[in-house]
Amino acid sequence: MYYKIGEVAKMFQVNTSLIRFWEKEFDIIKPKKNKKGNRLFTPEDVENFRIIYHLVKERGFTLKGAKEKLNQNRDKTIENAEIVISLQKIKTFLLDLKEQLDNLPVLTDQE
């Protein structure tokens, strides 16, 4: 399965120019190109973008700092990013659940 550059940009709510820029900056992103030259990203590329996005946009690393972090201990960095992503999903789920519970009608002793 391949994703077009617009689909990847939409996943991260960024411009396609940032996707192209990060592709040039980080050697872990290696999209395929079709005959027209369009980039086609694999699920692995998307996961690598997720890690870079986490480091740069969420943790505030510079591009140089993110590259160094990935080069120093790539496996640990990926593991930590995956843990944060999982925790964010759990938080979203719990907040949605809280909202649903808050919207339930209140029962009184007389009912």
PDB file of N, CA and C in Angstrom:
ATOM      1  N   MET A   1       0.848  -1.180   0.000  1.00  0.00           N
ATOM      2  CA  MET A   1       0.000   0.000   0.000  1.00  0.00           C
ATOM      3  C   MET A   1       0.890   1.238   0.000  1.00  0.00           C
ATOM      4  N   TYR A   2       0.550   2.166  -0.838  1.00  0.00           N
ATOM      5  CA  TYR A   2       1.314   3.401  -0.948  1.00  0.00           C
ATOM      6  C   TYR A   2       0.400   4.597  -0.700  1.00  0.00           C
ATOM      7  N   TYR A   3       0.994   5.647  -0.147  1.00  0.00           N
ATOM      8  CA  TYR A   3       0.267   6.895   0.097  1.00  0.00           C
ATOM      9  C   TYR A   3       0.872   7.985  -0.778  1.00  0.00           C
ATOM     10  N   LYS A   4       0.007   8.819  -1.335  1.00  0.00           N
ATOM     11  CA  LYS A   4       0.468   9.967  -2.106  1.00  0.00           C
ATOM     12  C   LYS A   4       0.909  11.052  -1.130  1.00  0.00           C
ATOM     13  N   ILE A   5       1.710  11.989  -1.628  1.00  0.00           N
ATOM     14  CA  ILE A   5       2.259  13.027  -0.771  1.00  0.00           C
ATOM     15  C   ILE A   5       1.145  13.860  -0.106  1.00  0.00           C
ATOM     16  N   GLY A   6       0.069  14.099  -0.836  1.00  0.00           N
ATOM     17  CA  GLY A   6      -1.048  14.864  -0.267  1.00  0.00           C
ATOM     18  C   GLY A   6      -1.709  14.134   0.888  1.00  0.00           C
ATOM     19  N   GLU A   7      -1.799  12.819   0.781  1.00  0.00           N
ATOM     20  CA  GLU A   7      -2.387  12.018   1.856  1.00  0.00           C
ATOM     21  C   GLU A   7      -1.512  12.058   3.107  1.00  0.00           C
ATOM     22  N   VAL A   8      -0.207  11.971   2.901  1.00  0.00           N
ATOM     23  CA  VAL A   8       0.715  12.022   4.044  1.00  0.00           C
ATOM     24  C   VAL A   8       0.658  13.401   4.698  1.00  0.00           C
ATOM     25  N   ALA A   9       0.639  14.445   3.883  1.00  0.00           N
ATOM     26  CA  ALA A   9       0.564  15.808   4.420  1.00  0.00           C
ATOM     27  C   ALA A   9      -0.720  15.996   5.227  1.00  0.00           C
ATOM     28  N   LYS A  10      -1.809  15.441   4.729  1.00  0.00           N
ATOM     29  CA  LYS A  10      -3.095  15.561   5.430  1.00  0.00           C
ATOM     30  C   LYS A  10      -3.066  14.820   6.775  1.00  0.00           C
ATOM     31  N   MET A  11      -2.414  13.662   6.814  1.00  0.00           N
ATOM     32  CA  MET A  11      -2.310  12.901   8.063  1.00  0.00           C
ATOM     33  C   MET A  11      -1.685  13.728   9.176  1.00  0.00           C
ATOM     34  N   PHE A  12      -0.693  14.542   8.811  1.00  0.00           N
ATOM     35  CA  PHE A  12       0.046  15.316   9.807  1.00  0.00           C
ATOM     36  C   PHE A  12      -0.360  16.785   9.824  1.00  0.00           C
ATOM     37  N   GLN A  13      -1.322  17.132   8.998  1.00  0.00           N
ATOM     38  CA  GLN A  13      -1.815  18.506   8.898  1.00  0.00           C
ATOM     39  C   GLN A  13      -0.676  19.492   8.636  1.00  0.00           C
ATOM     40  N   VAL A  14       0.133  19.156   7.624  1.00  0.00           N
ATOM     41  CA  VAL A  14       1.240  20.013   7.197  1.00  0.00           C
ATOM     42  C   VAL A  14       1.158  20.185   5.683  1.00  0.00           C
ATOM     43  N   ASN A  15       1.947  21.100   5.162  1.00  0.00           N
ATOM     44  CA  ASN A  15       2.006  21.309   3.717  1.00  0.00           C
ATOM     45  C   ASN A  15       2.855  20.224   3.055  1.00  0.00           C
ATOM     46  N   THR A  16       2.562  19.967   1.793  1.00  0.00           N
ATOM     47  CA  THR A  16       3.350  18.980   1.056  1.00  0.00           C
ATOM     48  C   THR A  16       4.809  19.413   0.930  1.00  0.00           C
ATOM     49  N   SER A  17       5.049  20.720   0.952  1.00  0.00           N
ATOM     50  CA  SER A  17       6.435  21.200   0.864  1.00  0.00           C
ATOM     51  C   SER A  17       7.248  20.742   2.074  1.00  0.00           C
ATOM     52  N   LEU A  18       6.626  20.657   3.250  1.00  0.00           N
ATOM     53  CA  LEU A  18       7.336  20.172   4.429  1.00  0.00           C
ATOM     54  C   LEU A  18       7.665  18.691   4.286  1.00  0.00           C
ATOM     55  N   ILE A  19       6.757  17.935   3.694  1.00  0.00           N
ATOM     56  CA  ILE A  19       7.004  16.508   3.463  1.00  0.00           C
ATOM     57  C   ILE A  19       8.209  16.341   2.541  1.00  0.00           C
ATOM     58  N   ARG A  20       8.238  17.117   1.457  1.00  0.00           N
ATOM     59  CA  ARG A  20       9.367  17.047   0.527  1.00  0.00           C
ATOM     60  C   ARG A  20      10.669  17.473   1.211  1.00  0.00           C
ATOM     61  N   PHE A  21      10.602  18.511   2.034  1.00  0.00           N
ATOM     62  CA  PHE A  21      11.785  19.002   2.738  1.00  0.00           C
ATOM     63  C   PHE A  21      12.323  17.947   3.697  1.00  0.00           C
ATOM     64  N   TRP A  22      11.439  17.352   4.497  1.00  0.00           N
ATOM     65  CA  TRP A  22      11.881  16.327   5.444  1.00  0.00           C
ATOM     66  C   TRP A  22      12.430  15.101   4.717  1.00  0.00           C
ATOM     67  N   GLU A  23      11.852  14.809   3.564  1.00  0.00           N
ATOM     68  CA  GLU A  23      12.369  13.680   2.776  1.00  0.00           C
ATOM     69  C   GLU A  23      13.836  13.914   2.416  1.00  0.00           C
ATOM     70  N   LYS A  24      14.174  15.150   2.052  1.00  0.00           N
ATOM     71  CA  LYS A  24      15.553  15.474   1.698  1.00  0.00           C
ATOM     72  C   LYS A  24      16.461  15.498   2.933  1.00  0.00           C
ATOM     73  N   GLU A  25      15.926  15.914   4.053  1.00  0.00           N
ATOM     74  CA  GLU A  25      16.723  16.081   5.274  1.00  0.00           C
ATOM     75  C   GLU A  25      16.985  14.774   6.023  1.00  0.00           C
ATOM     76  N   PHE A  26      16.038  13.846   5.957  1.00  0.00           N
ATOM     77  CA  PHE A  26      16.142  12.615   6.737  1.00  0.00           C
ATOM     78  C   PHE A  26      16.254  11.417   5.808  1.00  0.00           C
ATOM     79  N   ASP A  27      17.342  10.688   5.948  1.00  0.00           N
ATOM     80  CA  ASP A  27      17.589   9.559   5.041  1.00  0.00           C
ATOM     81  C   ASP A  27      16.737   8.331   5.356  1.00  0.00           C
ATOM     82  N   ILE A  28      15.967   8.357   6.440  1.00  0.00           N
ATOM     83  CA  ILE A  28      15.104   7.213   6.751  1.00  0.00           C
ATOM     84  C   ILE A  28      13.810   7.237   5.938  1.00  0.00           C
ATOM     85  N   ILE A  29      13.574   8.322   5.229  1.00  0.00           N
ATOM     86  CA  ILE A  29      12.376   8.432   4.384  1.00  0.00           C
ATOM     87  C   ILE A  29      12.807   8.232   2.939  1.00  0.00           C
ATOM     88  N   LYS A  30      12.292   7.167   2.356  1.00  0.00           N
ATOM     89  CA  LYS A  30      12.698   6.811   0.992  1.00  0.00           C
ATOM     90  C   LYS A  30      11.473   6.461   0.150  1.00  0.00           C
ATOM     91  N   PRO A  31      10.741   7.472  -0.324  1.00  0.00           N
ATOM     92  CA  PRO A  31       9.561   7.149  -1.118  1.00  0.00           C
ATOM     93  C   PRO A  31       9.932   6.574  -2.484  1.00  0.00           C
ATOM     94  N   LYS A  32       9.028   5.774  -2.991  1.00  0.00           N
ATOM     95  CA  LYS A  32       9.160   5.294  -4.364  1.00  0.00           C
ATOM     96  C   LYS A  32       8.651   6.422  -5.260  1.00  0.00           C
ATOM     97  N   LYS A  33       9.039   6.391  -6.508  1.00  0.00           N
ATOM     98  CA  LYS A  33       8.508   7.365  -7.464  1.00  0.00           C
ATOM     99  C   LYS A  33       7.965   6.598  -8.663  1.00  0.00           C
ATOM    100  N   ASN A  34       6.777   7.013  -9.103  1.00  0.00           N
ATOM    101  CA  ASN A  34       6.201   6.363 -10.277  1.00  0.00           C
ATOM    102  C   ASN A  34       6.789   6.987 -11.546  1.00  0.00           C
ATOM    103  N   LYS A  35       6.300   6.561 -12.688  1.00  0.00           N
ATOM    104  CA  LYS A  35       6.846   7.039 -13.961  1.00  0.00           C
ATOM    105  C   LYS A  35       6.694   8.549 -14.121  1.00  0.00           C
ATOM    106  N   LYS A  36       5.660   9.110 -13.519  1.00  0.00           N
ATOM    107  CA  LYS A  36       5.446  10.555 -13.591  1.00  0.00           C
ATOM    108  C   LYS A  36       6.325  11.317 -12.603  1.00  0.00           C
ATOM    109  N   GLY A  37       6.981  10.586 -11.706  1.00  0.00           N
ATOM    110  CA  GLY A  37       7.819  11.243 -10.705  1.00  0.00           C
ATOM    111  C   GLY A  37       7.093  11.548  -9.407  1.00  0.00           C
ATOM    112  N   ASN A  38       5.842  11.097  -9.300  1.00  0.00           N
ATOM    113  CA  ASN A  38       5.086  11.321  -8.067  1.00  0.00           C
ATOM    114  C   ASN A  38       5.629  10.440  -6.953  1.00  0.00           C
ATOM    115  N   ARG A  39       5.731  11.012  -5.774  1.00  0.00           N
ATOM    116  CA  ARG A  39       6.217  10.258  -4.622  1.00  0.00           C
ATOM    117  C   ARG A  39       5.134   9.327  -4.094  1.00  0.00           C
ATOM    118  N   LEU A  40       5.533   8.125  -3.772  1.00  0.00           N
ATOM    119  CA  LEU A  40       4.624   7.144  -3.179  1.00  0.00           C
ATOM    120  C   LEU A  40       5.267   6.641  -1.892  1.00  0.00           C
ATOM    121  N   PHE A  41       4.601   6.910  -0.778  1.00  0.00           N
ATOM    122  CA  PHE A  41       5.152   6.595   0.524  1.00  0.00           C
ATOM    123  C   PHE A  41       4.585   5.288   1.067  1.00  0.00           C
ATOM    124  N   THR A  42       5.463   4.486   1.656  1.00  0.00           N
ATOM    125  CA  THR A  42       5.052   3.218   2.264  1.00  0.00           C
ATOM    126  C   THR A  42       4.562   3.485   3.689  1.00  0.00           C
ATOM    127  N   PRO A  43       3.873   2.519   4.295  1.00  0.00           N
ATOM    128  CA  PRO A  43       3.499   2.676   5.708  1.00  0.00           C
ATOM    129  C   PRO A  43       4.723   2.898   6.601  1.00  0.00           C
ATOM    130  N   GLU A  44       5.854   2.300   6.250  1.00  0.00           N
ATOM    131  CA  GLU A  44       7.084   2.522   7.025  1.00  0.00           C
ATOM    132  C   GLU A  44       7.536   3.980   6.921  1.00  0.00           C
ATOM    133  N   ASP A  45       7.421   4.556   5.720  1.00  0.00           N
ATOM    134  CA  ASP A  45       7.752   5.976   5.556  1.00  0.00           C
ATOM    135  C   ASP A  45       6.850   6.834   6.435  1.00  0.00           C
ATOM    136  N   VAL A  46       5.569   6.493   6.470  1.00  0.00           N
ATOM    137  CA  VAL A  46       4.612   7.252   7.275  1.00  0.00           C
ATOM    138  C   VAL A  46       4.985   7.164   8.759  1.00  0.00           C
ATOM    139  N   GLU A  47       5.379   5.984   9.216  1.00  0.00           N
ATOM    140  CA  GLU A  47       5.804   5.832  10.617  1.00  0.00           C
ATOM    141  C   GLU A  47       7.063   6.649  10.886  1.00  0.00           C
ATOM    142  N   ASN A  48       7.972   6.686   9.932  1.00  0.00           N
ATOM    143  CA  ASN A  48       9.171   7.510  10.097  1.00  0.00           C
ATOM    144  C   ASN A  48       8.817   8.992  10.157  1.00  0.00           C
ATOM    145  N   PHE A  49       7.856   9.424   9.331  1.00  0.00           N
ATOM    146  CA  PHE A  49       7.371  10.798   9.413  1.00  0.00           C
ATOM    147  C   PHE A  49       6.771  11.066  10.788  1.00  0.00           C
ATOM    148  N   ARG A  50       6.035  10.086  11.307  1.00  0.00           N
ATOM    149  CA  ARG A  50       5.406  10.247  12.618  1.00  0.00           C
ATOM    150  C   ARG A  50       6.473  10.489  13.699  1.00  0.00           C
ATOM    151  N   ILE A  51       7.567   9.770  13.613  1.00  0.00           N
ATOM    152  CA  ILE A  51       8.652   9.924  14.585  1.00  0.00           C
ATOM    153  C   ILE A  51       9.308  11.297  14.424  1.00  0.00           C
ATOM    154  N   ILE A  52       9.582  11.686  13.187  1.00  0.00           N
ATOM    155  CA  ILE A  52      10.183  12.997  12.935  1.00  0.00           C
ATOM    156  C   ILE A  52       9.241  14.097  13.397  1.00  0.00           C
ATOM    157  N   TYR A  53       7.950  13.961  13.086  1.00  0.00           N
ATOM    158  CA  TYR A  53       6.951  14.946  13.504  1.00  0.00           C
ATOM    159  C   TYR A  53       6.947  15.061  15.026  1.00  0.00           C
ATOM    160  N   HIS A  54       6.988  13.921  15.698  1.00  0.00           N
ATOM    161  CA  HIS A  54       6.992  13.917  17.165  1.00  0.00           C
ATOM    162  C   HIS A  54       8.208  14.673  17.702  1.00  0.00           C
ATOM    163  N   LEU A  55       9.370  14.384  17.146  1.00  0.00           N
ATOM    164  CA  LEU A  55      10.588  15.035  17.630  1.00  0.00           C
ATOM    165  C   LEU A  55      10.592  16.538  17.344  1.00  0.00           C
ATOM    166  N   VAL A  56      10.231  16.909  16.116  1.00  0.00           N
ATOM    167  CA  VAL A  56      10.352  18.304  15.691  1.00  0.00           C
ATOM    168  C   VAL A  56       9.170  19.155  16.150  1.00  0.00           C
ATOM    169  N   LYS A  57       7.970  18.701  15.899  1.00  0.00           N
ATOM    170  CA  LYS A  57       6.793  19.522  16.168  1.00  0.00           C
ATOM    171  C   LYS A  57       6.288  19.411  17.605  1.00  0.00           C
ATOM    172  N   GLU A  58       6.379  18.219  18.191  1.00  0.00           N
ATOM    173  CA  GLU A  58       5.828  18.035  19.527  1.00  0.00           C
ATOM    174  C   GLU A  58       6.862  18.224  20.632  1.00  0.00           C
ATOM    175  N   ARG A  59       8.089  17.787  20.387  1.00  0.00           N
ATOM    176  CA  ARG A  59       9.125  17.900  21.418  1.00  0.00           C
ATOM    177  C   ARG A  59      10.025  19.105  21.207  1.00  0.00           C
ATOM    178  N   GLY A  60       9.915  19.762  20.064  1.00  0.00           N
ATOM    179  CA  GLY A  60      10.646  21.000  19.830  1.00  0.00           C
ATOM    180  C   GLY A  60      12.105  20.841  19.432  1.00  0.00           C
ATOM    181  N   PHE A  61      12.475  19.677  18.927  1.00  0.00           N
ATOM    182  CA  PHE A  61      13.844  19.478  18.463  1.00  0.00           C
ATOM    183  C   PHE A  61      14.083  20.300  17.201  1.00  0.00           C
ATOM    184  N   THR A  62      15.313  20.750  17.014  1.00  0.00           N
ATOM    185  CA  THR A  62      15.701  21.317  15.726  1.00  0.00           C
ATOM    186  C   THR A  62      15.882  20.144  14.767  1.00  0.00           C
ATOM    187  N   LEU A  63      15.986  20.427  13.483  1.00  0.00           N
ATOM    188  CA  LEU A  63      16.218  19.343  12.529  1.00  0.00           C
ATOM    189  C   LEU A  63      17.542  18.653  12.835  1.00  0.00           C
ATOM    190  N   LYS A  64      18.553  19.441  13.154  1.00  0.00           N
ATOM    191  CA  LYS A  64      19.856  18.869  13.495  1.00  0.00           C
ATOM    192  C   LYS A  64      19.732  17.990  14.746  1.00  0.00           C
ATOM    193  N   GLY A  65      19.016  18.483  15.737  1.00  0.00           N
ATOM    194  CA  GLY A  65      18.828  17.716  16.970  1.00  0.00           C
ATOM    195  C   GLY A  65      18.059  16.427  16.734  1.00  0.00           C
ATOM    196  N   ALA A  66      17.032  16.487  15.881  1.00  0.00           N
ATOM    197  CA  ALA A  66      16.246  15.289  15.563  1.00  0.00           C
ATOM    198  C   ALA A  66      17.108  14.261  14.833  1.00  0.00           C
ATOM    199  N   LYS A  67      17.939  14.735  13.901  1.00  0.00           N
ATOM    200  CA  LYS A  67      18.839  13.818  13.185  1.00  0.00           C
ATOM    201  C   LYS A  67      19.807  13.150  14.155  1.00  0.00           C
ATOM    202  N   GLU A  68      20.384  13.943  15.063  1.00  0.00           N
ATOM    203  CA  GLU A  68      21.317  13.394  16.036  1.00  0.00           C
ATOM    204  C   GLU A  68      20.636  12.380  16.943  1.00  0.00           C
ATOM    205  N   LYS A  69      19.427  12.700  17.370  1.00  0.00           N
ATOM    206  CA  LYS A  69      18.667  11.800  18.237  1.00  0.00           C
ATOM    207  C   LYS A  69      18.415  10.472  17.524  1.00  0.00           C
ATOM    208  N   LEU A  70      18.018  10.536  16.266  1.00  0.00           N
ATOM    209  CA  LEU A  70      17.772   9.315  15.498  1.00  0.00           C
ATOM    210  C   LEU A  70      19.060   8.535  15.253  1.00  0.00           C
ATOM    211  N   ASN A  71      20.156   9.236  15.052  1.00  0.00           N
ATOM    212  CA  ASN A  71      21.434   8.559  14.799  1.00  0.00           C
ATOM    213  C   ASN A  71      22.023   7.949  16.066  1.00  0.00           C
ATOM    214  N   GLN A  72      21.842   8.616  17.209  1.00  0.00           N
ATOM    215  CA  GLN A  72      22.424   8.140  18.462  1.00  0.00           C
ATOM    216  C   GLN A  72      21.787   6.836  18.929  1.00  0.00           C
ATOM    217  N   ASN A  73      20.480   6.842  18.987  1.00  0.00           N
ATOM    218  CA  ASN A  73      19.789   5.663  19.511  1.00  0.00           C
ATOM    219  C   ASN A  73      18.430   5.543  18.828  1.00  0.00           C
ATOM    220  N   ARG A  74      18.461   5.168  17.577  1.00  0.00           N
ATOM    221  CA  ARG A  74      17.250   5.128  16.746  1.00  0.00           C
ATOM    222  C   ARG A  74      16.164   4.250  17.352  1.00  0.00           C
ATOM    223  N   ASP A  75      16.515   3.045  17.795  1.00  0.00           N
ATOM    224  CA  ASP A  75      15.511   2.112  18.316  1.00  0.00           C
ATOM    225  C   ASP A  75      14.811   2.677  19.549  1.00  0.00           C
ATOM    226  N   LYS A  76      15.581   3.257  20.474  1.00  0.00           N
ATOM    227  CA  LYS A  76      15.003   3.816  21.699  1.00  0.00           C
ATOM    228  C   LYS A  76      14.132   5.030  21.371  1.00  0.00           C
ATOM    229  N   THR A  77      14.582   5.848  20.427  1.00  0.00           N
ATOM    230  CA  THR A  77      13.818   7.021  20.006  1.00  0.00           C
ATOM    231  C   THR A  77      12.485   6.599  19.407  1.00  0.00           C
ATOM    232  N   ILE A  78      12.520   5.582  18.553  1.00  0.00           N
ATOM    233  CA  ILE A  78      11.296   5.075  17.930  1.00  0.00           C
ATOM    234  C   ILE A  78      10.367   4.495  18.994  1.00  0.00           C
ATOM    235  N   GLU A  79      10.926   3.732  19.908  1.00  0.00           N
ATOM    236  CA  GLU A  79      10.128   3.131  20.981  1.00  0.00           C
ATOM    237  C   GLU A  79       9.455   4.210  21.828  1.00  0.00           C
ATOM    238  N   ASN A  80      10.204   5.240  22.196  1.00  0.00           N
ATOM    239  CA  ASN A  80       9.635   6.333  22.987  1.00  0.00           C
ATOM    240  C   ASN A  80       8.543   7.071  22.227  1.00  0.00           C
ATOM    241  N   ALA A  81       8.757   7.318  20.939  1.00  0.00           N
ATOM    242  CA  ALA A  81       7.749   7.999  20.124  1.00  0.00           C
ATOM    243  C   ALA A  81       6.478   7.156  20.033  1.00  0.00           C
ATOM    244  N   GLU A  82       6.636   5.851  19.875  1.00  0.00           N
ATOM    245  CA  GLU A  82       5.471   4.966  19.800  1.00  0.00           C
ATOM    246  C   GLU A  82       4.696   4.960  21.114  1.00  0.00           C
ATOM    247  N   ILE A  83       5.414   5.006  22.232  1.00  0.00           N
ATOM    248  CA  ILE A  83       4.751   5.057  23.539  1.00  0.00           C
ATOM    249  C   ILE A  83       3.945   6.349  23.667  1.00  0.00           C
ATOM    250  N   VAL A  84       4.532   7.467  23.278  1.00  0.00           N
ATOM    251  CA  VAL A  84       3.836   8.757  23.354  1.00  0.00           C
ATOM    252  C   VAL A  84       2.591   8.744  22.465  1.00  0.00           C
ATOM    253  N   ILE A  85       2.712   8.205  21.267  1.00  0.00           N
ATOM    254  CA  ILE A  85       1.573   8.132  20.344  1.00  0.00           C
ATOM    255  C   ILE A  85       0.462   7.274  20.948  1.00  0.00           C
ATOM    256  N   SER A  86       0.829   6.141  21.549  1.00  0.00           N
ATOM    257  CA  SER A  86      -0.167   5.270  22.196  1.00  0.00           C
ATOM    258  C   SER A  86      -0.855   5.991  23.349  1.00  0.00           C
ATOM    259  N   LEU A  87      -0.083   6.699  24.143  1.00  0.00           N
ATOM    260  CA  LEU A  87      -0.659   7.445  25.272  1.00  0.00           C
ATOM    261  C   LEU A  87      -1.591   8.554  24.793  1.00  0.00           C
ATOM    262  N   GLN A  88      -1.234   9.197  23.672  1.00  0.00           N
ATOM    263  CA  GLN A  88      -2.111  10.233  23.118  1.00  0.00           C
ATOM    264  C   GLN A  88      -3.441   9.633  22.665  1.00  0.00           C
ATOM    265  N   LYS A  89      -3.397   8.442  22.082  1.00  0.00           N
ATOM    266  CA  LYS A  89      -4.628   7.770  21.654  1.00  0.00           C
ATOM    267  C   LYS A  89      -5.484   7.399  22.859  1.00  0.00           C
ATOM    268  N   ILE A  90      -4.848   6.925  23.926  1.00  0.00           N
ATOM    269  CA  ILE A  90      -5.574   6.580  25.145  1.00  0.00           C
ATOM    270  C   ILE A  90      -6.207   7.834  25.749  1.00  0.00           C
ATOM    271  N   LYS A  91      -5.448   8.934  25.770  1.00  0.00           N
ATOM    272  CA  LYS A  91      -5.978  10.188  26.306  1.00  0.00           C
ATOM    273  C   LYS A  91      -7.208  10.640  25.514  1.00  0.00           C
ATOM    274  N   THR A  92      -7.117  10.574  24.190  1.00  0.00           N
ATOM    275  CA  THR A  92      -8.249  10.962  23.341  1.00  0.00           C
ATOM    276  C   THR A  92      -9.462  10.088  23.638  1.00  0.00           C
ATOM    277  N   PHE A  93      -9.238   8.786  23.753  1.00  0.00           N
ATOM    278  CA  PHE A  93     -10.323   7.858  24.066  1.00  0.00           C
ATOM    279  C   PHE A  93     -10.966   8.207  25.409  1.00  0.00           C
ATOM    280  N   LEU A  94     -10.143   8.440  26.415  1.00  0.00           N
ATOM    281  CA  LEU A  94     -10.674   8.745  27.750  1.00  0.00           C
ATOM    282  C   LEU A  94     -11.421  10.078  27.772  1.00  0.00           C
ATOM    283  N   LEU A  95     -10.924  11.076  27.053  1.00  0.00           N
ATOM    284  CA  LEU A  95     -11.621  12.363  26.993  1.00  0.00           C
ATOM    285  C   LEU A  95     -12.965  12.220  26.281  1.00  0.00           C
ATOM    286  N   ASP A  96     -13.003  11.419  25.220  1.00  0.00           N
ATOM    287  CA  ASP A  96     -14.271  11.152  24.532  1.00  0.00           C
ATOM    288  C   ASP A  96     -15.241  10.430  25.449  1.00  0.00           C
ATOM    289  N   LEU A  97     -14.740   9.464  26.184  1.00  0.00           N
ATOM    290  CA  LEU A  97     -15.577   8.718  27.127  1.00  0.00           C
ATOM    291  C   LEU A  97     -16.111   9.640  28.210  1.00  0.00           C
ATOM    292  N   LYS A  98     -15.270  10.511  28.725  1.00  0.00           N
ATOM    293  CA  LYS A  98     -15.707  11.479  29.748  1.00  0.00           C
ATOM    294  C   LYS A  98     -16.808  12.371  29.202  1.00  0.00           C
ATOM    295  N   GLU A  99     -16.635  12.841  27.978  1.00  0.00           N
ATOM    296  CA  GLU A  99     -17.643  13.702  27.365  1.00  0.00           C
ATOM    297  C   GLU A  99     -18.976  12.964  27.225  1.00  0.00           C
ATOM    298  N   GLN A 100     -18.921  11.703  26.826  1.00  0.00           N
ATOM    299  CA  GLN A 100     -20.147  10.909  26.713  1.00  0.00           C
ATOM    300  C   GLN A 100     -20.816  10.738  28.071  1.00  0.00           C
ATOM    301  N   LEU A 101     -20.014  10.487  29.087  1.00  0.00           N
ATOM    302  CA  LEU A 101     -20.563  10.327  30.438  1.00  0.00           C
ATOM    303  C   LEU A 101     -21.143  11.637  30.954  1.00  0.00           C
ATOM    304  N   ASP A 102     -20.498  12.741  30.652  1.00  0.00           N
ATOM    305  CA  ASP A 102     -21.001  14.053  31.076  1.00  0.00           C
ATOM    306  C   ASP A 102     -22.339  14.382  30.416  1.00  0.00           C
ATOM    307  N   ASN A 103     -22.587  13.821  29.246  1.00  0.00           N
ATOM    308  CA  ASN A 103     -23.822  14.107  28.512  1.00  0.00           C
ATOM    309  C   ASN A 103     -24.967  13.162  28.853  1.00  0.00           C
ATOM    310  N   LEU A 104     -24.719  12.184  29.710  1.00  0.00           N
ATOM    311  CA  LEU A 104     -25.780  11.283  30.115  1.00  0.00           C
ATOM    312  C   LEU A 104     -26.748  12.019  31.042  1.00  0.00           C
ATOM    313  N   PRO A 105     -28.041  11.697  30.969  1.00  0.00           N
ATOM    314  CA  PRO A 105     -28.997  12.350  31.868  1.00  0.00           C
ATOM    315  C   PRO A 105     -28.701  11.947  33.325  1.00  0.00           C
ATOM    316  N   VAL A 106     -28.924  12.885  34.209  1.00  0.00           N
ATOM    317  CA  VAL A 106     -28.694  12.643  35.632  1.00  0.00           C
ATOM    318  C   VAL A 106     -29.961  12.006  36.215  1.00  0.00           C
ATOM    319  N   LEU A 107     -29.770  10.886  36.897  1.00  0.00           N
ATOM    320  CA  LEU A 107     -30.883  10.218  37.557  1.00  0.00           C
ATOM    321  C   LEU A 107     -30.970  10.702  39.001  1.00  0.00           C
ATOM    322  N   THR A 108     -32.178  10.897  39.464  1.00  0.00           N
ATOM    323  CA  THR A 108     -32.371  11.293  40.860  1.00  0.00           C
ATOM    324  C   THR A 108     -32.945  10.117  41.624  1.00  0.00           C
ATOM    325  N   ASP A 109     -32.996  10.220  42.947  1.00  0.00           N
ATOM    326  CA  ASP A 109     -33.525   9.137  43.782  1.00  0.00           C
ATOM    327  C   ASP A 109     -35.003   8.880  43.488  1.00  0.00           C
ATOM    328  N   GLN A 110     -35.727   9.853  43.001  1.00  0.00           N
ATOM    329  CA  GLN A 110     -37.167   9.704  42.760  1.00  0.00           C
ATOM    330  C   GLN A 110     -37.449   8.966  41.471  1.00  0.00           C
ATOM    331  N   GLU A 111     -36.482   8.790  40.618  1.00  0.00           N
ATOM    332  CA  GLU A 111     -36.728   8.126  39.333  1.00  0.00           C
ATOM    333  C   GLU A 111     -36.588   6.654  39.424  1.00  0.00           C
TER     334      GLU A 111
END
